[in-house]
Full PDB file with SEQRES, HELIX, SHEET, SSBOND, CRYST1, ORIGX, SCALE, CONECT and MASTER records, all heavy atoms in Angstrom:
SEQRES   1 A   36  SER GLY PHE GLU HIS SER ILE ALA ASP ILE SER TYR LEU          
SEQRES   2 A   36  CYS MET GLY LEU ARG PHE ASP PHE LEU PRO ALA LEU LEU          
SEQRES   3 A   36  LEU ILE ALA LEU GLY ASN ALA ALA GLY SER                      
HELIX    1 AA1 SER A    6  MET A   15  1                                  10    
HELIX    2 AA2 PHE A   19  PHE A   21  5                                   3    
HELIX    3 AA3 LEU A   22  GLY A   35  1                                  14    
CRYST1    1.000    1.000    1.000  90.00  90.00  90.00 P 1           1          
ORIGX1      1.000000  0.000000  0.000000        0.00000                         
ORIGX2      0.000000  1.000000  0.000000        0.00000                         
ORIGX3      0.000000  0.000000  1.000000        0.00000                         
SCALE1      1.000000  0.000000  0.000000        0.00000                         
SCALE2      0.000000  1.000000  0.000000        0.00000                         
SCALE3      0.000000  0.000000  1.000000        0.00000                         
ATOM      1  N   SER A   1       0.817  -1.214   0.000  1.00  0.00           N  
ATOM      2  CA  SER A   1       0.000   0.000   0.000  1.00  0.00           C  
ATOM      3  C   SER A   1       0.851   1.264   0.000  1.00  0.00           C  
ATOM      4  O   SER A   1       0.320   2.371  -0.136  1.00  0.00           O  
ATOM      5  CB  SER A   1      -0.919   0.017   1.234  1.00  0.00           C  
ATOM      6  OG  SER A   1      -1.821  -1.065   1.196  1.00  0.00           O  
ATOM      7  N   GLY A   2       2.159   1.117   0.202  1.00  0.00           N  
ATOM      8  CA  GLY A   2       3.046   2.275   0.231  1.00  0.00           C  
ATOM      9  C   GLY A   2       3.069   2.985   1.572  1.00  0.00           C  
ATOM     10  O   GLY A   2       3.499   4.136   1.664  1.00  0.00           O  
ATOM     11  N   PHE A   3       2.609   2.310   2.643  1.00  0.00           N  
ATOM     12  CA  PHE A   3       2.647   2.910   3.968  1.00  0.00           C  
ATOM     13  C   PHE A   3       4.089   2.876   4.494  1.00  0.00           C  
ATOM     14  O   PHE A   3       4.921   2.124   3.984  1.00  0.00           O  
ATOM     15  CB  PHE A   3       1.692   2.195   4.922  1.00  0.00           C  
ATOM     16  CG  PHE A   3       0.252   2.198   4.459  1.00  0.00           C  
ATOM     17  CD1 PHE A   3      -0.630   1.235   4.890  1.00  0.00           C  
ATOM     18  CD2 PHE A   3      -0.215   3.169   3.583  1.00  0.00           C  
ATOM     19  CE1 PHE A   3      -1.957   1.227   4.468  1.00  0.00           C  
ATOM     20  CE2 PHE A   3      -1.543   3.182   3.151  1.00  0.00           C  
ATOM     21  CZ  PHE A   3      -2.411   2.204   3.603  1.00  0.00           C  
ATOM     22  N   GLU A   4       4.368   3.691   5.504  1.00  0.00           N  
ATOM     23  CA  GLU A   4       5.741   3.883   5.973  1.00  0.00           C  
ATOM     24  C   GLU A   4       5.973   3.303   7.365  1.00  0.00           C  
ATOM     25  O   GLU A   4       5.233   3.599   8.303  1.00  0.00           O  
ATOM     26  CB  GLU A   4       6.098   5.380   5.984  1.00  0.00           C  
ATOM     27  CG  GLU A   4       6.059   6.038   4.624  1.00  0.00           C  
ATOM     28  CD  GLU A   4       7.192   5.621   3.704  1.00  0.00           C  
ATOM     29  OE1 GLU A   4       8.154   4.976   4.171  1.00  0.00           O  
ATOM     30  OE2 GLU A   4       7.111   5.944   2.506  1.00  0.00           O  
ATOM     31  N   HIS A   5       7.029   2.512   7.478  1.00  0.00           N  
ATOM     32  CA  HIS A   5       7.435   1.889   8.740  1.00  0.00           C  
ATOM     33  C   HIS A   5       8.766   2.509   9.159  1.00  0.00           C  
ATOM     34  O   HIS A   5       9.769   2.380   8.459  1.00  0.00           O  
ATOM     35  CB  HIS A   5       7.574   0.378   8.526  1.00  0.00           C  
ATOM     36  CG  HIS A   5       7.863  -0.388   9.769  1.00  0.00           C  
ATOM     37  ND1 HIS A   5       9.142  -0.550  10.248  1.00  0.00           N  
ATOM     38  CD2 HIS A   5       7.044  -1.040  10.628  1.00  0.00           C  
ATOM     39  CE1 HIS A   5       9.091  -1.279  11.351  1.00  0.00           C  
ATOM     40  NE2 HIS A   5       7.832  -1.589  11.603  1.00  0.00           N  
ATOM     41  N   SER A   6       8.770   3.188  10.295  1.00  0.00           N  
ATOM     42  CA  SER A   6       9.941   3.976  10.687  1.00  0.00           C  
ATOM     43  C   SER A   6      11.211   3.148  10.842  1.00  0.00           C  
ATOM     44  O   SER A   6      12.298   3.598  10.447  1.00  0.00           O  
ATOM     45  CB  SER A   6       9.653   4.746  11.983  1.00  0.00           C  
ATOM     46  OG  SER A   6       9.243   3.872  13.023  1.00  0.00           O  
ATOM     47  N   ILE A   7      11.121   1.950  11.373  1.00  0.00           N  
ATOM     48  CA  ILE A   7      12.336   1.157  11.594  1.00  0.00           C  
ATOM     49  C   ILE A   7      12.858   0.619  10.265  1.00  0.00           C  
ATOM     50  O   ILE A   7      14.079   0.608  10.024  1.00  0.00           O  
ATOM     51  CB  ILE A   7      12.089   0.027  12.608  1.00  0.00           C  
ATOM     52  CG1 ILE A   7      11.405   0.566  13.883  1.00  0.00           C  
ATOM     53  CG2 ILE A   7      13.396  -0.682  12.953  1.00  0.00           C  
ATOM     54  CD1 ILE A   7      12.120   1.718  14.571  1.00  0.00           C  
ATOM     55  N   ALA A   8      11.968   0.215   9.374  1.00  0.00           N  
ATOM     56  CA  ALA A   8      12.414  -0.185   8.032  1.00  0.00           C  
ATOM     57  C   ALA A   8      13.062   0.994   7.325  1.00  0.00           C  
ATOM     58  O   ALA A   8      14.098   0.850   6.657  1.00  0.00           O  
ATOM     59  CB  ALA A   8      11.237  -0.720   7.218  1.00  0.00           C  
ATOM     60  N   ASP A   9      12.470   2.177   7.502  1.00  0.00           N  
ATOM     61  CA  ASP A   9      13.023   3.366   6.857  1.00  0.00           C  
ATOM     62  C   ASP A   9      14.408   3.720   7.401  1.00  0.00           C  
ATOM     63  O   ASP A   9      15.228   4.285   6.692  1.00  0.00           O  
ATOM     64  CB  ASP A   9      12.065   4.543   6.996  1.00  0.00           C  
ATOM     65  CG  ASP A   9      10.882   4.442   6.039  1.00  0.00           C  
ATOM     66  OD1 ASP A   9      10.987   3.702   5.028  1.00  0.00           O  
ATOM     67  OD2 ASP A   9       9.858   5.096   6.290  1.00  0.00           O  
ATOM     68  N   ILE A  10      14.679   3.386   8.671  1.00  0.00           N  
ATOM     69  CA  ILE A  10      16.034   3.574   9.208  1.00  0.00           C  
ATOM     70  C   ILE A  10      17.026   2.755   8.395  1.00  0.00           C  
ATOM     71  O   ILE A  10      18.119   3.231   8.058  1.00  0.00           O  
ATOM     72  CB  ILE A  10      16.104   3.181  10.696  1.00  0.00           C  
ATOM     73  CG1 ILE A  10      15.335   4.180  11.553  1.00  0.00           C  
ATOM     74  CG2 ILE A  10      17.565   3.066  11.167  1.00  0.00           C  
ATOM     75  CD1 ILE A  10      15.093   3.713  12.981  1.00  0.00           C  
ATOM     76  N   SER A  11      16.641   1.529   8.055  1.00  0.00           N  
ATOM     77  CA  SER A  11      17.570   0.683   7.285  1.00  0.00           C  
ATOM     78  C   SER A  11      17.820   1.265   5.896  1.00  0.00           C  
ATOM     79  O   SER A  11      18.950   1.270   5.417  1.00  0.00           O  
ATOM     80  CB  SER A  11      17.070  -0.765   7.208  1.00  0.00           C  
ATOM     81  OG  SER A  11      15.897  -0.888   6.436  1.00  0.00           O  
ATOM     82  N   TYR A  12      16.766   1.818   5.261  1.00  0.00           N  
ATOM     83  CA  TYR A  12      16.958   2.415   3.936  1.00  0.00           C  
ATOM     84  C   TYR A  12      17.802   3.687   4.034  1.00  0.00           C  
ATOM     85  O   TYR A  12      18.650   3.942   3.184  1.00  0.00           O  
ATOM     86  CB  TYR A  12      15.611   2.725   3.275  1.00  0.00           C  
ATOM     87  CG  TYR A  12      14.689   1.543   3.198  1.00  0.00           C  
ATOM     88  CD1 TYR A  12      13.346   1.650   3.536  1.00  0.00           C  
ATOM     89  CD2 TYR A  12      15.161   0.292   2.801  1.00  0.00           C  
ATOM     90  CE1 TYR A  12      12.496   0.557   3.476  1.00  0.00           C  
ATOM     91  CE2 TYR A  12      14.321  -0.807   2.745  1.00  0.00           C  
ATOM     92  CZ  TYR A  12      12.992  -0.664   3.088  1.00  0.00           C  
ATOM     93  OH  TYR A  12      12.158  -1.746   3.043  1.00  0.00           O  
ATOM     94  N   LEU A  13      17.551   4.477   5.072  1.00  0.00           N  
ATOM     95  CA  LEU A  13      18.332   5.689   5.311  1.00  0.00           C  
ATOM     96  C   LEU A  13      19.824   5.347   5.409  1.00  0.00           C  
ATOM     97  O   LEU A  13      20.669   5.982   4.780  1.00  0.00           O  
ATOM     98  CB  LEU A  13      17.839   6.342   6.603  1.00  0.00           C  
ATOM     99  CG  LEU A  13      18.519   7.587   7.161  1.00  0.00           C  
ATOM    100  CD1 LEU A  13      17.532   8.345   8.040  1.00  0.00           C  
ATOM    101  CD2 LEU A  13      19.749   7.266   7.992  1.00  0.00           C  
ATOM    102  N   CYS A  14      20.143   4.310   6.211  1.00  0.00           N  
ATOM    103  CA  CYS A  14      21.548   3.935   6.423  1.00  0.00           C  
ATOM    104  C   CYS A  14      22.143   3.249   5.199  1.00  0.00           C  
ATOM    105  O   CYS A  14      23.290   3.521   4.833  1.00  0.00           O  
ATOM    106  CB  CYS A  14      21.669   3.058   7.659  1.00  0.00           C  
ATOM    107  SG  CYS A  14      21.277   3.943   9.190  1.00  0.00           S  
ATOM    108  N   MET A  15      21.374   2.384   4.546  1.00  0.00           N  
ATOM    109  CA  MET A  15      21.888   1.726   3.337  1.00  0.00           C  
ATOM    110  C   MET A  15      22.139   2.736   2.223  1.00  0.00           C  
ATOM    111  O   MET A  15      23.053   2.571   1.428  1.00  0.00           O  
ATOM    112  CB  MET A  15      20.899   0.660   2.844  1.00  0.00           C  
ATOM    113  CG  MET A  15      20.881  -0.598   3.655  1.00  0.00           C  
ATOM    114  SD  MET A  15      19.635  -1.750   3.013  1.00  0.00           S  
ATOM    115  CE  MET A  15      19.286  -2.711   4.469  1.00  0.00           C  
ATOM    116  N   GLY A  16      21.308   3.760   2.162  1.00  0.00           N  
ATOM    117  CA  GLY A  16      21.454   4.775   1.123  1.00  0.00           C  
ATOM    118  C   GLY A  16      22.340   5.932   1.526  1.00  0.00           C  
ATOM    119  O   GLY A  16      22.571   6.847   0.739  1.00  0.00           O  
ATOM    120  N   LEU A  17      22.823   5.905   2.793  1.00  0.00           N  
ATOM    121  CA  LEU A  17      23.663   6.986   3.324  1.00  0.00           C  
ATOM    122  C   LEU A  17      22.969   8.338   3.145  1.00  0.00           C  
ATOM    123  O   LEU A  17      23.570   9.320   2.737  1.00  0.00           O  
ATOM    124  CB  LEU A  17      25.043   6.979   2.652  1.00  0.00           C  
ATOM    125  CG  LEU A  17      25.805   5.653   2.733  1.00  0.00           C  
ATOM    126  CD1 LEU A  17      27.091   5.709   1.918  1.00  0.00           C  
ATOM    127  CD2 LEU A  17      26.103   5.283   4.191  1.00  0.00           C  
ATOM    128  N   ARG A  18      21.670   8.363   3.477  1.00  0.00           N  
ATOM    129  CA  ARG A  18      20.832   9.548   3.241  1.00  0.00           C  
ATOM    130  C   ARG A  18      20.325  10.117   4.565  1.00  0.00           C  
ATOM    131  O   ARG A  18      19.156  10.007   4.908  1.00  0.00           O  
ATOM    132  CB  ARG A  18      19.668   9.169   2.326  1.00  0.00           C  
ATOM    133  CG  ARG A  18      20.071   8.819   0.922  1.00  0.00           C  
ATOM    134  CD  ARG A  18      20.632  10.018   0.168  1.00  0.00           C  
ATOM    135  NE  ARG A  18      19.674  11.108   0.133  1.00  0.00           N  
ATOM    136  CZ  ARG A  18      18.717  11.213  -0.802  1.00  0.00           C  
ATOM    137  NH1 ARG A  18      18.629  10.307  -1.775  1.00  0.00           N  
ATOM    138  NH2 ARG A  18      17.861  12.214  -0.775  1.00  0.00           N  
ATOM    139  N   PHE A  19      21.210  10.775   5.285  1.00  0.00           N  
ATOM    140  CA  PHE A  19      20.855  11.303   6.598  1.00  0.00           C  
ATOM    141  C   PHE A  19      19.985  12.559   6.508  1.00  0.00           C  
ATOM    142  O   PHE A  19      19.465  13.017   7.527  1.00  0.00           O  
ATOM    143  CB  PHE A  19      22.127  11.496   7.433  1.00  0.00           C  
ATOM    144  CG  PHE A  19      22.857  10.193   7.597  1.00  0.00           C  
ATOM    145  CD1 PHE A  19      23.942   9.876   6.800  1.00  0.00           C  
ATOM    146  CD2 PHE A  19      22.395   9.247   8.500  1.00  0.00           C  
ATOM    147  CE1 PHE A  19      24.570   8.645   6.929  1.00  0.00           C  
ATOM    148  CE2 PHE A  19      23.017   8.014   8.631  1.00  0.00           C  
ATOM    149  CZ  PHE A  19      24.107   7.715   7.842  1.00  0.00           C  
ATOM    150  N   ASP A  20      19.786  13.063   5.295  1.00  0.00           N  
ATOM    151  CA  ASP A  20      18.836  14.155   5.094  1.00  0.00           C  
ATOM    152  C   ASP A  20      17.392  13.685   5.299  1.00  0.00           C  
ATOM    153  O   ASP A  20      16.470  14.501   5.384  1.00  0.00           O  
ATOM    154  CB  ASP A  20      18.987  14.759   3.685  1.00  0.00           C  
ATOM    155  CG  ASP A  20      18.824  13.729   2.569  1.00  0.00           C  
ATOM    156  OD1 ASP A  20      19.192  12.548   2.768  1.00  0.00           O  
ATOM    157  OD2 ASP A  20      18.344  14.113   1.487  1.00  0.00           O  
ATOM    158  N   PHE A  21      17.209  12.378   5.411  1.00  0.00           N  
ATOM    159  CA  PHE A  21      15.879  11.803   5.599  1.00  0.00           C  
ATOM    160  C   PHE A  21      15.463  11.776   7.077  1.00  0.00           C  
ATOM    161  O   PHE A  21      14.313  11.479   7.393  1.00  0.00           O  
ATOM    162  CB  PHE A  21      15.851  10.387   5.012  1.00  0.00           C  
ATOM    163  CG  PHE A  21      14.492   9.754   4.969  1.00  0.00           C  
ATOM    164  CD1 PHE A  21      13.473  10.294   4.212  1.00  0.00           C  
ATOM    165  CD2 PHE A  21      14.221   8.595   5.694  1.00  0.00           C  
ATOM    166  CE1 PHE A  21      12.211   9.720   4.176  1.00  0.00           C  
ATOM    167  CE2 PHE A  21      12.964   8.003   5.655  1.00  0.00           C  
ATOM    168  CZ  PHE A  21      11.957   8.567   4.899  1.00  0.00           C  
ATOM    169  N   LEU A  22      16.372  12.121   7.993  1.00  0.00           N  
ATOM    170  CA  LEU A  22      16.076  12.024   9.429  1.00  0.00           C  
ATOM    171  C   LEU A  22      14.821  12.785   9.860  1.00  0.00           C  
ATOM    172  O   LEU A  22      14.003  12.222  10.598  1.00  0.00           O  
ATOM    173  CB  LEU A  22      17.275  12.482  10.257  1.00  0.00           C  
ATOM    174  CG  LEU A  22      18.313  11.401  10.562  1.00  0.00           C  
ATOM    175  CD1 LEU A  22      19.552  12.026  11.196  1.00  0.00           C  
ATOM    176  CD2 LEU A  22      17.745  10.327  11.464  1.00  0.00           C  
ATOM    177  N   PRO A  23      14.603  14.045   9.455  1.00  0.00           N  
ATOM    178  CA  PRO A  23      13.369  14.731   9.888  1.00  0.00           C  
ATOM    179  C   PRO A  23      12.099  14.000   9.433  1.00  0.00           C  
ATOM    180  O   PRO A  23      11.137  13.861  10.204  1.00  0.00           O  
ATOM    181  CB  PRO A  23      13.475  16.116   9.239  1.00  0.00           C  
ATOM    182  CG  PRO A  23      14.946  16.322   9.016  1.00  0.00           C  
ATOM    183  CD  PRO A  23      15.485  14.949   8.695  1.00  0.00           C  
ATOM    184  N   ALA A  24      12.099  13.503   8.205  1.00  0.00           N  
ATOM    185  CA  ALA A  24      10.941  12.762   7.700  1.00  0.00           C  
ATOM    186  C   ALA A  24      10.762  11.462   8.480  1.00  0.00           C  
ATOM    187  O   ALA A  24       9.638  11.050   8.770  1.00  0.00           O  
ATOM    188  CB  ALA A  24      11.106  12.477   6.209  1.00  0.00           C  
ATOM    189  N   LEU A  25      11.868  10.833   8.841  1.00  0.00           N  
ATOM    190  CA  LEU A  25      11.820   9.585   9.603  1.00  0.00           C  
ATOM    191  C   LEU A  25      11.121   9.800  10.950  1.00  0.00           C  
ATOM    192  O   LEU A  25      10.297   8.980  11.365  1.00  0.00           O  
ATOM    193  CB  LEU A  25      13.238   9.053   9.815  1.00  0.00           C  
ATOM    194  CG  LEU A  25      13.347   7.828  10.704  1.00  0.00           C  
ATOM    195  CD1 LEU A  25      12.810   6.607   9.985  1.00  0.00           C  
ATOM    196  CD2 LEU A  25      14.776   7.597  11.125  1.00  0.00           C  
ATOM    197  N   LEU A  26      11.437  10.894  11.619  1.00  0.00           N  
ATOM    198  CA  LEU A  26      10.808  11.179  12.915  1.00  0.00           C  
ATOM    199  C   LEU A  26       9.309  11.424  12.748  1.00  0.00           C  
ATOM    200  O   LEU A  26       8.503  10.995  13.581  1.00  0.00           O  
ATOM    201  CB  LEU A  26      11.490  12.367  13.584  1.00  0.00           C  
ATOM    202  CG  LEU A  26      12.956  12.121  13.953  1.00  0.00           C  
ATOM    203  CD1 LEU A  26      13.582  13.383  14.526  1.00  0.00           C  
ATOM    204  CD2 LEU A  26      13.098  10.958  14.926  1.00  0.00           C  
ATOM    205  N   LEU A  27       8.922  12.073  11.662  1.00  0.00           N  
ATOM    206  CA  LEU A  27       7.504  12.290  11.366  1.00  0.00           C  
ATOM    207  C   LEU A  27       6.792  10.956  11.135  1.00  0.00           C  
ATOM    208  O   LEU A  27       5.672  10.733  11.615  1.00  0.00           O  
ATOM    209  CB  LEU A  27       7.378  13.185  10.136  1.00  0.00           C  
ATOM    210  CG  LEU A  27       5.995  13.694   9.782  1.00  0.00           C  
ATOM    211  CD1 LEU A  27       5.460  14.606  10.875  1.00  0.00           C  
ATOM    212  CD2 LEU A  27       6.033  14.424   8.453  1.00  0.00           C  
ATOM    213  N   ILE A  28       7.450  10.053  10.428  1.00  0.00           N  
ATOM    214  CA  ILE A  28       6.888   8.719  10.185  1.00  0.00           C  
ATOM    215  C   ILE A  28       6.740   7.955  11.498  1.00  0.00           C  
ATOM    216  O   ILE A  28       5.720   7.291  11.737  1.00  0.00           O  
ATOM    217  CB  ILE A  28       7.761   7.954   9.174  1.00  0.00           C  
ATOM    218  CG1 ILE A  28       7.616   8.577   7.782  1.00  0.00           C  
ATOM    219  CG2 ILE A  28       7.412   6.465   9.147  1.00  0.00           C  
ATOM    220  CD1 ILE A  28       8.699   8.160   6.799  1.00  0.00           C  
ATOM    221  N   ALA A  29       7.749   8.051  12.369  1.00  0.00           N  
ATOM    222  CA  ALA A  29       7.682   7.382  13.677  1.00  0.00           C  
ATOM    223  C   ALA A  29       6.495   7.902  14.490  1.00  0.00           C  
ATOM    224  O   ALA A  29       5.792   7.121  15.141  1.00  0.00           O  
ATOM    225  CB  ALA A  29       8.987   7.567  14.442  1.00  0.00           C  
ATOM    226  N   LEU A  30       6.249   9.204  14.435  1.00  0.00           N  
ATOM    227  CA  LEU A  30       5.082   9.774  15.124  1.00  0.00           C  
ATOM    228  C   LEU A  30       3.786   9.227  14.526  1.00  0.00           C  
ATOM    229  O   LEU A  30       2.832   8.931  15.253  1.00  0.00           O  
ATOM    230  CB  LEU A  30       5.097  11.297  15.034  1.00  0.00           C  
ATOM    231  CG  LEU A  30       6.127  12.014  15.905  1.00  0.00           C  
ATOM    232  CD1 LEU A  30       6.133  13.508  15.591  1.00  0.00           C  
ATOM    233  CD2 LEU A  30       5.841  11.783  17.384  1.00  0.00           C  
ATOM    234  N   GLY A  31       3.752   9.090  13.204  1.00  0.00           N  
ATOM    235  CA  GLY A  31       2.581   8.507  12.557  1.00  0.00           C  
ATOM    236  C   GLY A  31       2.378   7.057  12.961  1.00  0.00           C  
ATOM    237  O   GLY A  31       1.251   6.639  13.257  1.00  0.00           O  
ATOM    238  N   ASN A  32       3.463   6.269  12.994  1.00  0.00           N  
ATOM    239  CA  ASN A  32       3.369   4.870  13.441  1.00  0.00           C  
ATOM    240  C   ASN A  32       2.775   4.804  14.841  1.00  0.00           C  
ATOM    241  O   ASN A  32       1.889   3.984  15.118  1.00  0.00           O  
ATOM    242  CB  ASN A  32       4.752   4.209  13.475  1.00  0.00           C  
ATOM    243  CG  ASN A  32       5.376   3.958  12.124  1.00  0.00           C  
ATOM    244  OD1 ASN A  32       6.585   3.773  12.028  1.00  0.00           O  
ATOM    245  ND2 ASN A  32       4.599   3.943  11.047  1.00  0.00           N  
ATOM    246  N   ALA A  33       3.283   5.668  15.730  1.00  0.00           N  
ATOM    247  CA  ALA A  33       2.798   5.688  17.110  1.00  0.00           C  
ATOM    248  C   ALA A  33       1.319   6.081  17.160  1.00  0.00           C  
ATOM    249  O   ALA A  33       0.517   5.432  17.839  1.00  0.00           O  
ATOM    250  CB  ALA A  33       3.640   6.644  17.949  1.00  0.00           C  
ATOM    251  N   ALA A  34       0.954   7.131  16.426  1.00  0.00           N  
ATOM    252  CA  ALA A  34      -0.431   7.616  16.452  1.00  0.00           C  
ATOM    253  C   ALA A  34      -1.411   6.554  15.982  1.00  0.00           C  
ATOM    254  O   ALA A  34      -2.464   6.333  16.604  1.00  0.00           O  
ATOM    255  CB  ALA A  34      -0.562   8.870  15.588  1.00  0.00           C  
ATOM    256  N   GLY A  35      -1.090   5.852  14.891  1.00  0.00           N  
ATOM    257  CA  GLY A  35      -1.988   4.828  14.377  1.00  0.00           C  
ATOM    258  C   GLY A  35      -2.164   3.677  15.340  1.00  0.00           C  
ATOM    259  O   GLY A  35      -3.285   3.221  15.612  1.00  0.00           O  
ATOM    260  N   SER A  36      -1.061   3.208  15.889  1.00  0.00           N  
ATOM    261  CA  SER A  36      -1.100   2.082  16.808  1.00  0.00           C  
ATOM    262  C   SER A  36      -1.835   2.435  18.107  1.00  0.00           C  
ATOM    263  O   SER A  36      -2.688   1.679  18.586  1.00  0.00           O  
ATOM    264  CB  SER A  36       0.341   1.645  17.110  1.00  0.00           C  
ATOM    265  OG  SER A  36       0.361   0.437  17.805  1.00  0.00           O  
TER     266      SER A  36                                                      
MASTER        0    0    0    3    0    0    0    6  265    1    0    3          
END                                                                             
């Protein structure tokens, strides 16, 4: 469905060496928490 999982996204961030994604990652983590 294209939904976002914060811990999986950490792995993509690190594999891609894309630390510019950190602010978006924190937003996704908040979304994960809110839904659950």
